[in-house]
Each structure stands twice: as C-alpha cells, then as structure tokens.
PDB file of N, CA and C in Angstrom:
ATOM      1  N   MET A   1       1.033  -0.518   0.139  1.00  0.00           N
ATOM      2  CA  MET A   1      -0.085   0.180  -0.143  1.00  0.00           C
ATOM      3  C   MET A   1       0.658   1.084  -0.204  1.00  0.00           C
ATOM      4  N   ASP A   2      -0.248   1.939  -1.061  1.00  0.00           N
ATOM      5  CA  ASP A   2       1.339   3.072  -0.819  1.00  0.00           C
ATOM      6  C   ASP A   2       0.824   4.465   0.414  1.00  0.00           C
ATOM      7  N   THR A   3       1.722   4.495   1.635  1.00  0.00           N
ATOM      8  CA  THR A   3       0.610   5.598   2.661  1.00  0.00           C
ATOM      9  C   THR A   3       0.817   7.239   1.802  1.00  0.00           C
ATOM     10  N   ARG A   4       2.213   6.729   1.544  1.00  0.00           N
ATOM     11  CA  ARG A   4       2.060   8.424   0.533  1.00  0.00           C
ATOM     12  C   ARG A   4       1.206   9.344  -0.536  1.00  0.00           C
ATOM     13  N   GLU A   5       0.752   8.227  -1.195  1.00  0.00           N
ATOM     14  CA  GLU A   5      -0.091   8.287  -1.762  1.00  0.00           C
ATOM     15  C   GLU A   5      -2.087   8.681  -0.923  1.00  0.00           C
ATOM     16  N   SER A   6      -1.973   8.165  -0.129  1.00  0.00           N
ATOM     17  CA  SER A   6      -3.695   7.584   1.141  1.00  0.00           C
ATOM     18  C   SER A   6      -3.401   8.806   2.400  1.00  0.00           C
ATOM     19  N   LEU A   7      -2.247   8.575   2.558  1.00  0.00           N
ATOM     20  CA  LEU A   7      -2.031  10.392   3.824  1.00  0.00           C
ATOM     21  C   LEU A   7      -0.895  11.121   3.937  1.00  0.00           C
ATOM     22  N   GLY A   8      -0.307  10.755   3.164  1.00  0.00           N
ATOM     23  CA  GLY A   8      -0.068  11.991   2.704  1.00  0.00           C
ATOM     24  C   GLY A   8       1.828  12.445   2.512  1.00  0.00           C
ATOM     25  N   HIS A   9       2.015  10.943   3.893  1.00  0.00           N
ATOM     26  CA  HIS A   9       3.509  10.950   4.391  1.00  0.00           C
ATOM     27  C   HIS A   9       3.870   9.154   3.607  1.00  0.00           C
ATOM     28  N   ASP A  10       5.368   8.748   4.031  1.00  0.00           N
ATOM     29  CA  ASP A  10       5.913   7.541   4.337  1.00  0.00           C
ATOM     30  C   ASP A  10       4.903   6.519   5.004  1.00  0.00           C
ATOM     31  N   TYR A  11       5.351   6.099   4.843  1.00  0.00           N
ATOM     32  CA  TYR A  11       5.411   4.911   6.026  1.00  0.00           C
ATOM     33  C   TYR A  11       5.580   4.722   7.342  1.00  0.00           C
ATOM     34  N   LEU A  12       6.060   4.690   8.176  1.00  0.00           N
ATOM     35  CA  LEU A  12       6.858   5.373   9.563  1.00  0.00           C
ATOM     36  C   LEU A  12       6.938   3.551  10.105  1.00  0.00           C
ATOM     37  N   PRO A  13       7.823   3.066   9.939  1.00  0.00           N
ATOM     38  CA  PRO A  13       8.716   1.964  10.268  1.00  0.00           C
ATOM     39  C   PRO A  13       8.374   1.701  12.148  1.00  0.00           C
ATOM     40  N   ARG A  14       7.371   0.757  12.308  1.00  0.00           N
ATOM     41  CA  ARG A  14       6.961   0.055  13.989  1.00  0.00           C
ATOM     42  C   ARG A  14       8.489  -1.048  14.221  1.00  0.00           C
ATOM     43  N   VAL A  15       8.555  -0.897  15.100  1.00  0.00           N
ATOM     44  CA  VAL A  15       9.610  -1.895  16.567  1.00  0.00           C
ATOM     45  C   VAL A  15       9.201  -3.283  16.053  1.00  0.00           C
ATOM     46  N   VAL A  16       7.300  -4.311  15.311  1.00  0.00           N
ATOM     47  CA  VAL A  16       7.442  -4.816  15.054  1.00  0.00           C
ATOM     48  C   VAL A  16       7.149  -5.585  14.121  1.00  0.00           C
ATOM     49  N   ASP A  17       7.640  -4.574  12.835  1.00  0.00           N
ATOM     50  CA  ASP A  17       8.007  -4.696  11.892  1.00  0.00           C
ATOM     51  C   ASP A  17       8.647  -5.787  11.308  1.00  0.00           C
ATOM     52  N   ALA A  18       9.383  -6.963  11.624  1.00  0.00           N
ATOM     53  CA  ALA A  18       9.973  -7.700  12.167  1.00  0.00           C
ATOM     54  C   ALA A  18      10.254  -8.674  13.093  1.00  0.00           C
ATOM     55  N   GLN A  19       9.825  -8.461  13.603  1.00  0.00           N
ATOM     56  CA  GLN A  19       9.150  -9.557  13.835  1.00  0.00           C
ATOM     57  C   GLN A  19       7.902 -10.062  13.375  1.00  0.00           C
ATOM     58  N   LEU A  20       6.803  -9.112  12.940  1.00  0.00           N
ATOM     59  CA  LEU A  20       5.538  -9.219  11.539  1.00  0.00           C
ATOM     60  C   LEU A  20       6.238 -10.133  10.626  1.00  0.00           C
ATOM     61  N   ASP A  21       7.325  -9.889   9.728  1.00  0.00           N
ATOM     62  CA  ASP A  21       7.460  -9.841   8.872  1.00  0.00           C
ATOM     63  C   ASP A  21       7.825 -11.920   9.236  1.00  0.00           C
ATOM     64  N   ARG A  22       8.465 -12.111   9.712  1.00  0.00           N
ATOM     65  CA  ARG A  22       8.486 -13.629  10.376  1.00  0.00           C
ATOM     66  C   ARG A  22       7.549 -14.266  10.917  1.00  0.00           C
ATOM     67  N   LEU A  23       6.711 -13.599  11.274  1.00  0.00           N
ATOM     68  CA  LEU A  23       6.210 -13.954  12.196  1.00  0.00           C
ATOM     69  C   LEU A  23       4.681 -14.443  10.513  1.00  0.00           C
ATOM     70  N   LEU A  24       4.528 -13.751   9.731  1.00  0.00           N
ATOM     71  CA  LEU A  24       4.014 -13.591   8.365  1.00  0.00           C
ATOM     72  C   LEU A  24       4.887 -15.237   7.414  1.00  0.00           C
ATOM     73  N   GLU A  25       6.195 -15.196   7.791  1.00  0.00           N
ATOM     74  CA  GLU A  25       6.577 -16.120   6.818  1.00  0.00           C
ATOM     75  C   GLU A  25       6.617 -17.636   7.907  1.00  0.00           C
ATOM     76  N   VAL A  26       6.395 -17.492   8.765  1.00  0.00           N
ATOM     77  CA  VAL A  26       6.240 -19.421   9.475  1.00  0.00           C
ATOM     78  C   VAL A  26       4.462 -18.994   9.451  1.00  0.00           C
ATOM     79  N   GLY A  27       3.515 -18.651   9.480  1.00  0.00           N
ATOM     80  CA  GLY A  27       2.298 -19.196   9.359  1.00  0.00           C
ATOM     81  C   GLY A  27       1.127 -18.234   8.759  1.00  0.00           C
ATOM     82  N   GLY A  28       1.883 -17.839   8.135  1.00  0.00           N
ATOM     83  CA  GLY A  28       1.481 -16.892   7.133  1.00  0.00           C
ATOM     84  C   GLY A  28      -0.143 -15.982   7.404  1.00  0.00           C
ATOM     85  N   ALA A  29      -0.242 -15.959   8.307  1.00  0.00           N
ATOM     86  CA  ALA A  29      -1.428 -15.176   9.480  1.00  0.00           C
ATOM     87  C   ALA A  29      -0.803 -14.796  11.258  1.00  0.00           C
ATOM     88  N   VAL A  30      -1.427 -13.718  11.254  1.00  0.00           N
ATOM     89  CA  VAL A  30      -1.604 -13.121  12.193  1.00  0.00           C
ATOM     90  C   VAL A  30      -2.735 -12.423  12.469  1.00  0.00           C
ATOM     91  N   VAL A  31      -2.118 -11.862  13.830  1.00  0.00           N
ATOM     92  CA  VAL A  31      -3.673 -10.846  14.534  1.00  0.00           C
ATOM     93  C   VAL A  31      -2.782 -10.209  15.911  1.00  0.00           C
ATOM     94  N   ILE A  32      -2.857  -8.290  14.891  1.00  0.00           N
ATOM     95  CA  ILE A  32      -2.265  -8.011  15.540  1.00  0.00           C
ATOM     96  C   ILE A  32      -3.836  -7.192  16.582  1.00  0.00           C
ATOM     97  N   GLU A  33      -3.090  -6.952  17.230  1.00  0.00           N
ATOM     98  CA  GLU A  33      -3.904  -6.054  19.209  1.00  0.00           C
ATOM     99  C   GLU A  33      -3.368  -4.522  18.964  1.00  0.00           C
ATOM    100  N   GLY A  34      -3.781  -4.089  19.659  1.00  0.00           N
ATOM    101  CA  GLY A  34      -3.506  -2.445  19.747  1.00  0.00           C
ATOM    102  C   GLY A  34      -5.336  -1.739  19.956  1.00  0.00           C
ATOM    103  N   THR A  35      -4.004  -0.226  20.843  1.00  0.00           N
ATOM    104  CA  THR A  35      -5.254   0.455  21.345  1.00  0.00           C
ATOM    105  C   THR A  35      -5.362   1.608  19.921  1.00  0.00           C
ATOM    106  N   ARG A  36      -6.027   1.724  20.089  1.00  0.00           N
ATOM    107  CA  ARG A  36      -6.607   3.027  19.568  1.00  0.00           C
ATOM    108  C   ARG A  36      -5.358   3.819  18.584  1.00  0.00           C
ATOM    109  N   ALA A  37      -5.937   3.798  17.340  1.00  0.00           N
ATOM    110  CA  ALA A  37      -4.917   4.817  15.861  1.00  0.00           C
ATOM    111  C   ALA A  37      -2.865   4.646  16.333  1.00  0.00           C
ATOM    112  N   CYS A  38      -2.810   3.478  17.229  1.00  0.00           N
ATOM    113  CA  CYS A  38      -1.730   3.288  17.660  1.00  0.00           C
ATOM    114  C   CYS A  38      -0.635   2.299  16.041  1.00  0.00           C
ATOM    115  N   GLY A  39      -1.388   2.164  15.084  1.00  0.00           N
ATOM    116  CA  GLY A  39      -0.518   1.647  13.826  1.00  0.00           C
ATOM    117  C   GLY A  39      -1.433   0.862  12.742  1.00  0.00           C
ATOM    118  N   LYS A  40      -2.226  -0.222  13.727  1.00  0.00           N
ATOM    119  CA  LYS A  40      -1.881  -1.735  13.134  1.00  0.00           C
ATOM    120  C   LYS A  40      -2.810  -1.641  11.698  1.00  0.00           C
ATOM    121  N   THR A  41      -3.812  -0.920  11.752  1.00  0.00           N
ATOM    122  CA  THR A  41      -4.123  -1.329   9.988  1.00  0.00           C
ATOM    123  C   THR A  41      -2.164  -0.573   9.115  1.00  0.00           C
ATOM    124  N   MET A  42      -1.690   0.101   9.503  1.00  0.00           N
ATOM    125  CA  MET A  42      -0.649   0.643   8.689  1.00  0.00           C
ATOM    126  C   MET A  42       0.155  -0.876   8.734  1.00  0.00           C
ATOM    127  N   THR A  43       0.386  -1.242  10.134  1.00  0.00           N
ATOM    128  CA  THR A  43       1.201  -1.815   9.998  1.00  0.00           C
ATOM    129  C   THR A  43       1.491  -3.246   9.297  1.00  0.00           C
ATOM    130  N   GLY A  44      -0.007  -3.573   9.531  1.00  0.00           N
ATOM    131  CA  GLY A  44      -0.704  -4.827   8.340  1.00  0.00           C
ATOM    132  C   GLY A  44      -0.450  -4.295   7.224  1.00  0.00           C
ATOM    133  N   LEU A  45      -1.001  -3.651   6.641  1.00  0.00           N
ATOM    134  CA  LEU A  45      -0.931  -3.448   4.652  1.00  0.00           C
ATOM    135  C   LEU A  45       0.563  -2.861   4.790  1.00  0.00           C
ATOM    136  N   ASN A  46       1.131  -2.862   6.042  1.00  0.00           N
ATOM    137  CA  ASN A  46       2.706  -2.312   5.140  1.00  0.00           C
ATOM    138  C   ASN A  46       3.042  -4.048   5.013  1.00  0.00           C
ATOM    139  N   ALA A  47       2.475  -4.728   5.477  1.00  0.00           N
ATOM    140  CA  ALA A  47       3.622  -5.845   5.999  1.00  0.00           C
ATOM    141  C   ALA A  47       2.844  -7.434   4.880  1.00  0.00           C
ATOM    142  N   ALA A  48       2.008  -6.861   5.219  1.00  0.00           N
ATOM    143  CA  ALA A  48       0.873  -7.431   3.113  1.00  0.00           C
ATOM    144  C   ALA A  48       1.420  -7.072   1.553  1.00  0.00           C
ATOM    145  N   ARG A  49       1.821  -8.871   2.049  1.00  0.00           N
ATOM    146  CA  ARG A  49       2.421  -8.626   0.357  1.00  0.00           C
ATOM    147  C   ARG A  49       1.733  -9.630  -0.111  1.00  0.00           C
ATOM    148  N   PRO A  50       2.204  -9.736  -2.031  1.00  0.00           N
ATOM    149  CA  PRO A  50       0.952 -10.278  -2.866  1.00  0.00           C
ATOM    150  C   PRO A  50       1.756 -11.262  -2.839  1.00  0.00           C
ATOM    151  N   ALA A  51       1.541 -12.867  -3.082  1.00  0.00           N
ATOM    152  CA  ALA A  51       2.086 -14.223  -3.193  1.00  0.00           C
ATOM    153  C   ALA A  51       3.038 -14.203  -4.127  1.00  0.00           C
ATOM    154  N   PRO A  52       4.130 -14.362  -4.213  1.00  0.00           N
ATOM    155  CA  PRO A  52       5.467 -15.036  -5.575  1.00  0.00           C
ATOM    156  C   PRO A  52       4.670 -15.667  -6.204  1.00  0.00           C
ATOM    157  N   SER A  53       4.936 -14.867  -7.598  1.00  0.00           N
ATOM    158  CA  SER A  53       3.895 -15.650  -9.008  1.00  0.00           C
ATOM    159  C   SER A  53       4.107 -17.170  -8.952  1.00  0.00           C
ATOM    160  N   SER A  54       4.791 -17.832  -8.325  1.00  0.00           N
ATOM    161  CA  SER A  54       5.614 -18.505  -8.510  1.00  0.00           C
ATOM    162  C   SER A  54       3.961 -20.073  -7.382  1.00  0.00           C
ATOM    163  N   THR A  55       3.043 -19.541  -6.369  1.00  0.00           N
ATOM    164  CA  THR A  55       2.550 -19.880  -5.804  1.00  0.00           C
ATOM    165  C   THR A  55       0.809 -19.404  -6.530  1.00  0.00           C
ATOM    166  N   THR A  56       1.287 -18.063  -7.309  1.00  0.00           N
ATOM    167  CA  THR A  56       0.047 -17.611  -7.901  1.00  0.00           C
ATOM    168  C   THR A  56      -0.833 -18.829  -9.075  1.00  0.00           C
ATOM    169  N   MET A  57      -2.489 -18.441  -8.205  1.00  0.00           N
ATOM    170  CA  MET A  57      -3.306 -19.687  -9.244  1.00  0.00           C
ATOM    171  C   MET A  57      -2.754 -19.328 -10.877  1.00  0.00           C
ATOM    172  N   PRO A  58      -3.232 -20.475 -11.665  1.00  0.00           N
ATOM    173  CA  PRO A  58      -3.173 -20.139 -12.987  1.00  0.00           C
ATOM    174  C   PRO A  58      -4.711 -19.038 -13.606  1.00  0.00           C
ATOM    175  N   PRO A  59      -5.363 -18.442 -14.558  1.00  0.00           N
ATOM    176  CA  PRO A  59      -5.967 -17.845 -14.595  1.00  0.00           C
ATOM    177  C   PRO A  59      -7.553 -18.962 -15.197  1.00  0.00           C
ATOM    178  N   ALA A  60      -8.157 -18.662 -14.428  1.00  0.00           N
ATOM    179  CA  ALA A  60      -9.618 -20.217 -14.315  1.00  0.00           C
ATOM    180  C   ALA A  60     -10.155 -19.967 -15.859  1.00  0.00           C
ATOM    181  N   THR A  61     -10.578 -21.939 -15.980  1.00  0.00           N
ATOM    182  CA  THR A  61     -10.882 -21.654 -17.322  1.00  0.00           C
ATOM    183  C   THR A  61     -12.573 -21.713 -17.564  1.00  0.00           C
ATOM    184  N   PRO A  62     -13.432 -20.348 -17.987  1.00  0.00           N
ATOM    185  CA  PRO A  62     -15.175 -21.208 -18.471  1.00  0.00           C
ATOM    186  C   PRO A  62     -15.233 -22.745 -18.348  1.00  0.00           C
ATOM    187  N   ALA A  63     -15.936 -22.137 -17.564  1.00  0.00           N
ATOM    188  CA  ALA A  63     -16.510 -24.151 -16.773  1.00  0.00           C
ATOM    189  C   ALA A  63     -17.447 -24.962 -18.053  1.00  0.00           C
ATOM    190  N   PRO A  64     -17.638 -25.361 -18.976  1.00  0.00           N
ATOM    191  CA  PRO A  64     -19.145 -25.521 -19.526  1.00  0.00           C
ATOM    192  C   PRO A  64     -19.924 -24.964 -19.742  1.00  0.00           C
ATOM    193  N   ASP A  65     -20.787 -24.234 -20.643  1.00  0.00           N
ATOM    194  CA  ASP A  65     -22.169 -24.221 -20.544  1.00  0.00           C
ATOM    195  C   ASP A  65     -22.864 -25.012 -19.547  1.00  0.00           C
ATOM    196  N   ALA A  66     -23.133 -24.458 -18.251  1.00  0.00           N
ATOM    197  CA  ALA A  66     -24.702 -25.370 -17.794  1.00  0.00           C
ATOM    198  C   ALA A  66     -25.933 -25.101 -18.246  1.00  0.00           C
ATOM    199  N   SER A  67     -25.795 -23.541 -18.222  1.00  0.00           N
ATOM    200  CA  SER A  67     -27.145 -23.033 -18.161  1.00  0.00           C
ATOM    201  C   SER A  67     -28.380 -23.595 -18.607  1.00  0.00           C
ATOM    202  N   CYS A  68     -28.369 -24.292 -19.984  1.00  0.00           N
ATOM    203  CA  CYS A  68     -29.110 -25.323 -21.377  1.00  0.00           C
ATOM    204  C   CYS A  68     -29.791 -26.465 -19.491  1.00  0.00           C
ATOM    205  N   ALA A  69     -29.504 -26.688 -18.717  1.00  0.00           N
ATOM    206  CA  ALA A  69     -29.125 -27.679 -18.595  1.00  0.00           C
ATOM    207  C   ALA A  69     -29.720 -27.087 -16.751  1.00  0.00           C
ATOM    208  N   CYS A  70     -29.636 -25.975 -15.914  1.00  0.00           N
ATOM    209  CA  CYS A  70     -30.861 -25.626 -14.939  1.00  0.00           C
ATOM    210  C   CYS A  70     -32.279 -24.931 -16.043  1.00  0.00           C
ATOM    211  N   ALA A  71     -31.678 -24.650 -16.864  1.00  0.00           N
ATOM    212  CA  ALA A  71     -33.074 -23.659 -17.825  1.00  0.00           C
ATOM    213  C   ALA A  71     -34.511 -25.040 -18.413  1.00  0.00           C
ATOM    214  N   SER A  72     -33.548 -25.860 -18.256  1.00  0.00           N
ATOM    215  CA  SER A  72     -35.296 -26.784 -18.791  1.00  0.00           C
ATOM    216  C   SER A  72     -35.733 -27.634 -17.456  1.00  0.00           C
ATOM    217  N   ALA A  73     -35.115 -28.000 -16.228  1.00  0.00           N
ATOM    218  CA  ALA A  73     -35.982 -27.920 -15.346  1.00  0.00           C
ATOM    219  C   ALA A  73     -37.389 -27.632 -14.771  1.00  0.00           C
ATOM    220  N   PRO A  74     -38.376 -28.328 -14.621  1.00  0.00           N
ATOM    221  CA  PRO A  74     -39.242 -28.104 -13.803  1.00  0.00           C
ATOM    222  C   PRO A  74     -39.205 -27.222 -12.454  1.00  0.00           C
TER     223      PRO A  74
END
C-alpha cells in the first residue's frame, strides 16, 4: 500500500515490523492488537505482500455452459 498516496506521508516503521515479517513467513496469518490509532492497519497493510508468482493460481478456465441444463428443469 502506498501510504504517501493515502495519508500524505511515507510509512513510519514500527518496532514490530521484523517480528511480524518472521511470523507471516512461518504461519501466514497473524492477529494485530493494539489501542486505537496506534498504527495497526498501516502496519498490517505494510506487511501484506502479494504472493510470489510461482504460487499464484493460473487463470480460471471457463466452465462448460450449464445454463441450458438448469433452464430446462421443471
């Protein structure tokens, strides 16, 4: 996420960033808790990264046209 575009300034690094990165590598999901307005959302969005291209799913292939089978049912 581009925090400069959203907030008008760059992401402010948090002390938990390195730990969060390690936890995401190991488990894939974390819960970020904290007081109101402490930076939970920006920290999470900064840590979120797209999956490597080798793990992305291939484009879906169109399913056979099943609409005629459903349309003829009473």
